[in-house]
Amino acid sequence: MYSKKEYFIHTILFILTLIASTLAGGEWVYGKSVIAKGDDFLSWDYFLRSFAFSIPFIGILLIHELGHLFTSIHHKVKSSLPFFIPAWLGFLGIPSIGTFGAIIQMKSFVNSRKKFFDIGVAGPLAGFVIALGVLTYGFTTLPPAEYIYEIHPEYANPEFEGYGDQVVDFELGNNLLFSLMSSTLADPERMPEMSELIHYPFLFAGYLALFFTALNLLPIGQLDGGHVIFGLFPKRHKEISLSAFTLFLFYAGLGMISPFFPAEELIIRIPLYLGFLYICYHKSGLTAQTKLTFALSIAASQYLIAYFFPTIQGYQGWLFFGFLLGRVMGTRHPEVSGYKELDARRKIIGWIAIIIFCLCFSPQPFIFSE
């Protein structure tokens, strides 16, 4: 079915991604302790220890993509092997997780609503099950509370009051499922703060898996969640997808413009922001006038909300993903030849996928603060 060249290329990309995520995971999990001890971060010992992050993390992504692949094969839909995208940026001093993700490419026309649904939902469900297992193991095998002193030996100093010149703190944002599992499975005396979670490889890998699961299950366009919505509500997919995309942009951009900004700043910021919003609707299928109306409505509403709630902030990190969705991928779904209703079993699976999205989605997944 696949040529030797294809197997070779995809295997090499997978190995490079595993290595990149191992290096990136080592930076997150052990980075500060390595620097404090004066050790060589790229030593073989630290590399091997960092597999505790990369194997479950990349393994979950692999299972996700294999869910898509095997379902495609089952439905006789030609598709590529999983493309893994390595991305370790540590040599530039930029934090990363070692990958930009993985995708499979459909190579044949899919003319069935059922096939779209099955292929779309199989990946997130498969990855989610493995993520649950990884998180359950991570929560039930937490190291003693003293473990954090191995990473941050300065915490053992009773006079420690911070890092002085360090001005940026980083922590992971919570979601419903992670919060529920931590409160029911973890020993509260051993459970780390969200700002220290990056030093616990299984929990960090599992958290990232939930993040990518929620990202894929957004009910927009041709994302896995878009396929689910198309399966459940084929004649209303366009409206649901466009509404979800608009709400996503609206939340992401809260705080981008405010009446309390200096006038000279608003003169530059407002037209640039309006242009950005307009571009985000590039592949929406809307007319130019309607796109402009959407952009103006979003910006005006955000401006008004900022007037009454000056401190309100969305999550501007989502704006880049919104740009990719609207400008590159689009909010529409491919047409099919018919709209035969899904059977009861598939409908139940579809609603389970929606519940999983609600449980895994974090409004602010990665929080940077002064």
Protein backbone atom coordinates (compact mmCIF):
# COMPACT_ATOMS: atom_id res chain seq x y z
CA MET A 1 0.00 0.00 0.00
CA TYR A 2 2.90 2.34 0.79
CA SER A 3 6.29 2.45 -0.90
CA LYS A 4 9.60 1.84 0.85
CA LYS A 5 10.43 5.52 0.31
CA GLU A 6 7.26 6.57 2.16
CA TYR A 7 7.98 4.24 5.07
CA PHE A 8 11.55 5.57 5.24
CA ILE A 9 10.58 9.27 5.19
CA HIS A 10 7.80 8.92 7.77
CA THR A 11 9.97 6.77 10.04
CA ILE A 12 12.81 9.30 9.92
CA LEU A 13 10.40 12.15 10.73
CA PHE A 14 9.00 10.16 13.65
CA ILE A 15 12.48 9.41 15.05
CA LEU A 16 13.57 13.06 14.67
CA THR A 17 10.38 14.19 16.43
CA LEU A 18 10.96 11.74 19.27
CA ILE A 19 14.53 13.01 19.68
CA ALA A 20 13.40 16.66 19.49
CA SER A 21 10.66 16.15 22.08
CA THR A 22 13.13 14.31 24.33
CA LEU A 23 15.47 17.30 24.23
CA ALA A 24 12.59 19.73 24.76
CA GLY A 25 11.15 17.65 27.59
CA GLY A 26 14.52 17.57 29.29
CA GLU A 27 14.65 21.36 29.22
CA TRP A 28 11.25 21.63 30.90
CA VAL A 29 11.60 18.81 33.40
CA TYR A 30 15.24 19.04 34.43
CA GLY A 31 16.53 22.30 32.97
CA LYS A 32 17.01 24.41 36.08
CA SER A 33 18.45 21.57 38.13
CA VAL A 34 21.01 20.88 35.39
CA ILE A 35 22.09 24.52 35.32
CA ALA A 36 22.21 24.73 39.11
CA LYS A 37 24.45 21.67 39.31
CA GLY A 38 26.66 22.86 36.49
CA ASP A 39 26.00 19.67 34.54
CA ASP A 40 25.91 19.27 30.79
CA PHE A 41 22.27 19.32 29.73
CA LEU A 42 22.95 17.31 26.58
CA SER A 43 24.57 14.47 28.48
CA TRP A 44 23.43 10.92 27.76
CA ASP A 45 22.11 10.52 31.30
CA TYR A 46 19.71 13.46 31.07
CA PHE A 47 18.68 12.47 27.56
CA LEU A 48 17.65 8.98 28.71
CA ARG A 49 15.78 10.38 31.71
CA SER A 50 13.87 12.75 29.42
CA PHE A 51 12.27 9.80 27.60
CA ALA A 52 9.86 9.77 30.56
CA PHE A 53 8.26 12.80 28.89
CA SER A 54 8.77 12.17 25.19
CA ILE A 55 7.64 8.53 24.98
CA PRO A 56 4.17 9.07 26.51
CA PHE A 57 3.72 12.43 24.75
CA ILE A 58 4.74 11.32 21.25
CA GLY A 59 3.11 7.94 21.89
CA ILE A 60 -0.27 9.63 22.47
CA LEU A 61 0.14 11.68 19.28
CA LEU A 62 1.04 8.50 17.40
CA ILE A 63 -2.03 6.65 18.67
CA HIS A 64 -4.18 9.64 17.69
CA GLU A 65 -2.88 9.60 14.12
CA LEU A 66 -3.07 5.81 13.87
CA GLY A 67 -6.72 6.07 14.87
CA HIS A 68 -7.28 8.22 11.79
CA LEU A 69 -5.10 5.99 9.61
CA PHE A 70 -6.62 2.62 10.52
CA THR A 71 -10.15 3.99 10.18
CA SER A 72 -9.23 5.37 6.75
CA ILE A 73 -7.91 1.96 5.75
CA HIS A 74 -11.08 0.32 7.10
CA HIS A 75 -13.22 2.60 4.91
CA LYS A 76 -10.88 2.18 1.92
CA VAL A 77 -10.01 5.87 1.91
CA LYS A 78 -6.46 6.41 0.67
CA SER A 79 -4.36 8.50 3.04
CA SER A 80 -0.74 9.13 3.88
CA LEU A 81 1.17 7.71 6.80
CA PRO A 82 1.38 10.10 9.79
CA PHE A 83 3.60 13.14 9.15
CA PHE A 84 5.41 14.07 12.38
CA ILE A 85 6.87 17.58 12.44
CA PRO A 86 10.00 17.89 14.64
CA ALA A 87 10.63 21.28 16.23
CA TRP A 88 13.24 21.61 18.96
CA LEU A 89 14.18 25.28 19.35
CA GLY A 90 16.37 25.00 22.42
CA PHE A 91 19.50 25.82 20.42
CA LEU A 92 17.91 29.25 19.80
CA GLY A 93 17.06 29.71 23.46
CA ILE A 94 13.33 29.39 22.65
CA PRO A 95 11.18 26.99 24.71
CA SER A 96 9.33 24.33 22.70
CA ILE A 97 7.74 20.92 23.12
CA GLY A 98 9.78 19.34 20.35
CA THR A 99 7.05 19.13 17.72
CA PHE A 100 4.43 21.10 15.83
CA GLY A 101 2.21 18.02 15.91
CA ALA A 102 1.40 15.32 13.38
CA ILE A 103 -1.05 14.98 10.53
CA ILE A 104 -2.23 12.50 7.94
CA GLN A 105 -3.24 13.63 4.47
CA MET A 106 -6.34 12.35 2.71
CA LYS A 107 -5.41 11.29 -0.85
CA SER A 108 -8.82 10.29 -2.14
CA PHE A 109 -12.24 11.90 -2.24
CA VAL A 110 -14.48 11.10 0.74
CA ASN A 111 -18.11 11.18 -0.36
CA SER A 112 -19.70 9.75 2.77
CA ARG A 113 -20.84 11.59 5.87
CA LYS A 114 -20.34 8.40 7.88
CA LYS A 115 -16.74 8.00 6.69
CA PHE A 116 -15.89 11.62 7.53
CA PHE A 117 -17.35 11.12 10.99
CA ASP A 118 -15.58 7.83 11.67
CA ILE A 119 -12.18 9.03 10.45
CA GLY A 120 -12.49 12.34 12.29
CA VAL A 121 -13.60 11.00 15.66
CA ALA A 122 -11.30 7.95 15.77
CA GLY A 123 -8.09 9.94 16.35
CA PRO A 124 -9.16 12.05 19.35
CA LEU A 125 -10.91 9.13 21.03
CA ALA A 126 -7.90 6.83 20.64
CA GLY A 127 -5.46 9.45 21.90
CA PHE A 128 -7.77 10.44 24.75
CA VAL A 129 -7.94 6.89 26.10
CA ILE A 130 -4.13 6.65 26.20
CA ALA A 131 -3.89 10.13 27.74
CA LEU A 132 -6.23 9.01 30.54
CA GLY A 133 -3.92 6.08 31.22
CA VAL A 134 -0.81 8.27 31.28
CA LEU A 135 -2.44 10.80 33.62
CA THR A 136 -3.78 8.08 35.91
CA TYR A 137 -0.28 6.64 36.21
CA GLY A 138 1.20 10.11 36.75
CA PHE A 139 -1.26 11.08 39.48
CA THR A 140 -1.03 7.78 41.35
CA THR A 141 2.79 7.55 41.28
CA LEU A 142 3.75 11.08 42.27
CA PRO A 143 7.21 11.30 43.86
CA PRO A 144 7.59 12.58 47.43
CA ALA A 145 7.09 16.30 47.94
CA GLU A 146 10.87 16.66 48.40
CA TYR A 147 11.33 15.83 44.71
CA ILE A 148 10.84 19.48 43.80
CA TYR A 149 14.02 20.34 45.74
CA GLU A 150 16.01 18.28 43.22
CA ILE A 151 14.75 20.60 40.48
CA HIS A 152 14.71 23.79 42.55
CA PRO A 153 17.35 23.39 45.29
CA GLU A 154 16.87 27.08 46.09
CA TYR A 155 13.38 26.28 47.46
CA ALA A 156 15.05 24.54 50.39
CA ASN A 157 16.51 27.87 51.43
CA PRO A 158 14.06 29.46 53.92
CA GLU A 159 15.32 32.91 52.88
CA PHE A 160 14.48 32.35 49.19
CA GLU A 161 12.05 35.04 47.99
CA GLY A 162 12.19 34.75 44.22
CA TYR A 163 14.62 35.06 41.36
CA GLY A 164 15.33 38.76 41.59
CA ASP A 165 15.70 39.89 37.98
CA GLN A 166 13.38 37.18 36.66
CA VAL A 167 10.22 38.99 35.51
CA VAL A 168 8.20 36.29 33.75
CA ASP A 169 6.49 33.32 35.41
CA PHE A 170 5.00 30.41 33.51
CA GLU A 171 2.32 27.96 34.52
CA LEU A 172 -0.15 25.60 32.91
CA GLY A 173 -3.83 26.52 32.94
CA ASN A 174 -6.26 23.99 34.37
CA ASN A 175 -9.16 22.22 32.68
CA LEU A 176 -12.13 20.31 34.09
CA LEU A 177 -10.73 16.82 33.53
CA PHE A 178 -7.24 17.55 34.85
CA SER A 179 -8.70 19.23 37.93
CA LEU A 180 -11.08 16.31 38.56
CA MET A 181 -8.36 13.68 38.20
CA SER A 182 -5.90 15.57 40.42
CA SER A 183 -8.48 15.97 43.19
CA THR A 184 -9.54 12.31 43.13
CA LEU A 185 -6.34 10.40 42.27
CA ALA A 186 -3.40 12.42 43.58
CA ASP A 187 -2.03 12.58 47.09
CA PRO A 188 -2.69 16.24 48.00
CA GLU A 189 0.62 16.44 49.88
CA ARG A 190 2.51 15.41 46.73
CA MET A 191 0.44 17.21 44.10
CA PRO A 192 2.51 20.06 42.59
CA GLU A 193 1.31 23.56 41.80
CA MET A 194 0.38 24.17 38.16
CA SER A 195 3.51 26.34 37.90
CA GLU A 196 5.67 23.30 38.77
CA LEU A 197 3.80 20.71 36.70
CA ILE A 198 6.38 20.91 33.90
CA HIS A 199 8.83 19.06 36.17
CA TYR A 200 6.58 15.97 36.34
CA PRO A 201 7.01 14.27 32.95
CA PHE A 202 3.92 12.03 32.92
CA LEU A 203 1.62 14.80 34.10
CA PHE A 204 3.13 17.29 31.65
CA ALA A 205 2.82 14.83 28.76
CA GLY A 206 -0.76 14.02 29.71
CA TYR A 207 -1.68 17.68 30.04
CA LEU A 208 -0.31 18.43 26.57
CA ALA A 209 -2.26 15.46 25.22
CA LEU A 210 -5.49 16.92 26.63
CA PHE A 211 -4.58 20.29 25.11
CA PHE A 212 -4.12 18.80 21.63
CA THR A 213 -7.26 16.69 22.02
CA ALA A 214 -9.33 19.79 22.77
CA LEU A 215 -7.65 21.69 19.94
CA ASN A 216 -8.56 18.98 17.44
CA LEU A 217 -12.12 18.73 18.74
CA LEU A 218 -12.95 22.39 18.25
CA PRO A 219 -16.24 22.30 16.26
CA ILE A 220 -14.79 24.30 13.39
CA GLY A 221 -14.17 23.59 9.72
CA GLN A 222 -12.27 20.41 8.91
CA LEU A 223 -10.84 19.84 12.37
CA ASP A 224 -11.78 16.51 13.93
CA GLY A 225 -14.48 18.33 15.90
CA GLY A 226 -15.72 19.83 12.64
CA HIS A 227 -16.14 16.33 11.21
CA VAL A 228 -18.07 15.34 14.34
CA ILE A 229 -20.42 18.32 14.00
CA PHE A 230 -20.84 17.61 10.29
CA GLY A 231 -21.82 14.05 11.15
CA LEU A 232 -24.34 15.09 13.79
CA PHE A 233 -25.72 18.22 12.12
CA PRO A 234 -24.76 18.15 8.41
CA LYS A 235 -27.18 20.83 7.25
CA ARG A 236 -26.19 23.19 10.06
CA HIS A 237 -22.44 22.66 10.03
CA LYS A 238 -21.79 25.97 8.27
CA GLU A 239 -23.69 27.99 10.87
CA ILE A 240 -22.28 26.06 13.85
CA SER A 241 -18.71 26.23 12.55
CA LEU A 242 -18.91 29.95 11.75
CA SER A 243 -20.50 30.72 15.12
CA ALA A 244 -17.90 28.69 17.02
CA PHE A 245 -15.09 30.34 15.07
CA THR A 246 -16.49 33.82 15.76
CA LEU A 247 -16.84 33.11 19.49
CA PHE A 248 -13.31 31.71 19.49
CA LEU A 249 -11.91 34.90 17.91
CA PHE A 250 -14.06 37.08 20.17
CA TYR A 251 -12.75 35.46 23.34
CA ALA A 252 -9.15 35.32 22.10
CA GLY A 253 -9.06 39.02 21.25
CA LEU A 254 -10.61 40.41 24.44
CA GLY A 255 -8.27 43.14 25.66
CA MET A 256 -6.67 43.79 22.28
CA ILE A 257 -8.36 47.19 22.04
CA SER A 258 -9.59 49.32 24.92
CA PRO A 259 -10.76 52.92 25.38
CA PHE A 260 -8.14 53.21 28.10
CA PHE A 261 -5.24 52.78 25.68
CA PRO A 262 -3.47 55.99 24.61
CA ALA A 263 -5.09 57.59 21.54
CA GLU A 264 -1.87 57.42 19.52
CA GLU A 265 -1.69 53.69 20.20
CA LEU A 266 -5.34 53.08 19.25
CA ILE A 267 -4.87 54.89 15.94
CA ILE A 268 -2.39 52.17 14.93
CA ARG A 269 -3.84 49.21 16.82
CA ILE A 270 -7.49 49.43 15.70
CA PRO A 271 -6.97 49.34 11.90
CA LEU A 272 -4.35 46.60 12.23
CA TYR A 273 -6.66 44.54 14.41
CA LEU A 274 -9.61 45.05 12.08
CA GLY A 275 -7.45 43.94 9.16
CA PHE A 276 -6.39 40.86 11.08
CA LEU A 277 -10.00 39.92 11.87
CA TYR A 278 -11.00 40.47 8.24
CA ILE A 279 -8.22 38.17 7.02
CA CYS A 280 -9.29 35.50 9.51
CA TYR A 281 -12.56 35.13 7.59
CA HIS A 282 -10.72 34.64 4.29
CA LYS A 283 -11.93 31.05 3.77
CA SER A 284 -15.35 31.43 5.37
CA GLY A 285 -17.26 31.67 2.10
CA LEU A 286 -18.69 35.04 3.15
CA THR A 287 -18.87 38.11 0.96
CA ALA A 288 -16.34 40.91 1.50
CA GLN A 289 -19.05 43.11 3.03
CA THR A 290 -20.11 40.37 5.47
CA LYS A 291 -16.49 39.71 6.48
CA LEU A 292 -16.05 43.40 7.22
CA THR A 293 -19.29 43.41 9.22
CA PHE A 294 -18.06 40.49 11.32
CA ALA A 295 -14.70 42.17 11.92
CA LEU A 296 -16.29 45.49 12.92
CA SER A 297 -18.86 43.78 15.15
CA ILE A 298 -16.25 41.75 17.02
CA ALA A 299 -13.93 44.74 17.52
CA ALA A 300 -16.75 47.07 18.59
CA SER A 301 -18.12 44.53 21.09
CA GLN A 302 -14.68 43.93 22.57
CA TYR A 303 -14.09 47.69 22.82
CA LEU A 304 -17.43 48.15 24.61
CA ILE A 305 -16.78 45.30 27.04
CA ALA A 306 -13.35 46.74 27.82
CA TYR A 307 -15.02 50.05 28.73
CA PHE A 308 -17.18 48.41 31.43
CA PHE A 309 -14.63 45.75 32.46
CA PRO A 310 -11.18 47.32 31.99
CA THR A 311 -9.24 44.34 33.37
CA ILE A 312 -10.93 41.67 31.27
CA GLN A 313 -8.57 39.62 29.12
CA GLY A 314 -9.13 36.80 26.69
CA TYR A 315 -6.27 34.54 25.61
CA GLN A 316 -4.39 36.24 22.84
CA GLY A 317 -2.32 33.12 22.24
CA TRP A 318 -5.42 31.71 20.51
CA LEU A 319 -5.32 34.47 17.88
CA PHE A 320 -2.55 32.77 15.90
CA PHE A 321 -4.50 29.51 15.82
CA GLY A 322 -7.59 31.47 14.80
CA PHE A 323 -5.58 32.92 11.92
CA LEU A 324 -4.50 29.45 10.79
CA LEU A 325 -8.07 28.18 10.98
CA GLY A 326 -9.61 31.07 9.10
CA ARG A 327 -6.89 31.96 6.60
CA VAL A 328 -5.33 28.57 5.87
CA MET A 329 -7.80 25.80 6.71
CA GLY A 330 -11.15 27.55 6.45
CA THR A 331 -14.37 27.15 8.40
CA ARG A 332 -16.28 25.18 5.76
CA HIS A 333 -16.58 21.42 5.38
CA PRO A 334 -16.24 19.47 2.11
CA GLU A 335 -19.52 18.53 0.52
CA VAL A 336 -20.73 14.94 0.32
CA SER A 337 -23.19 13.26 -2.02
CA GLY A 338 -25.84 12.62 0.61
CA TYR A 339 -26.93 13.38 4.16
CA LYS A 340 -27.97 9.95 5.39
CA GLU A 341 -28.53 10.13 9.13
CA LEU A 342 -25.96 8.54 11.43
CA ASP A 343 -26.98 5.47 13.38
CA ALA A 344 -27.66 5.70 17.12
CA ARG A 345 -24.22 4.30 18.08
CA ARG A 346 -22.39 6.95 16.09
CA LYS A 347 -24.59 9.70 17.51
CA ILE A 348 -23.68 8.59 21.04
CA ILE A 349 -19.98 8.57 20.11
CA GLY A 350 -20.37 12.07 18.64
CA TRP A 351 -21.86 13.44 21.85
CA ILE A 352 -19.13 11.70 23.87
CA ALA A 353 -16.56 13.54 21.71
CA ILE A 354 -18.30 16.85 22.46
CA ILE A 355 -18.20 16.06 26.20
CA ILE A 356 -14.50 15.19 25.93
CA PHE A 357 -13.88 18.57 24.28
CA CYS A 358 -15.64 20.37 27.14
CA LEU A 359 -13.63 18.41 29.72
CA CYS A 360 -10.26 18.95 28.03
CA PHE A 361 -10.52 22.55 26.82
CA SER A 362 -8.56 25.09 28.85
CA PRO A 363 -9.43 28.76 28.16
CA GLN A 364 -5.86 29.73 29.09
CA PRO A 365 -3.66 26.66 28.57
CA PHE A 366 -0.26 28.38 28.98
CA ILE A 367 -0.07 31.38 31.29
CA PHE A 368 2.77 33.88 31.30
CA SER A 369 2.70 36.59 33.95
CA GLU A 370 5.03 39.18 35.42
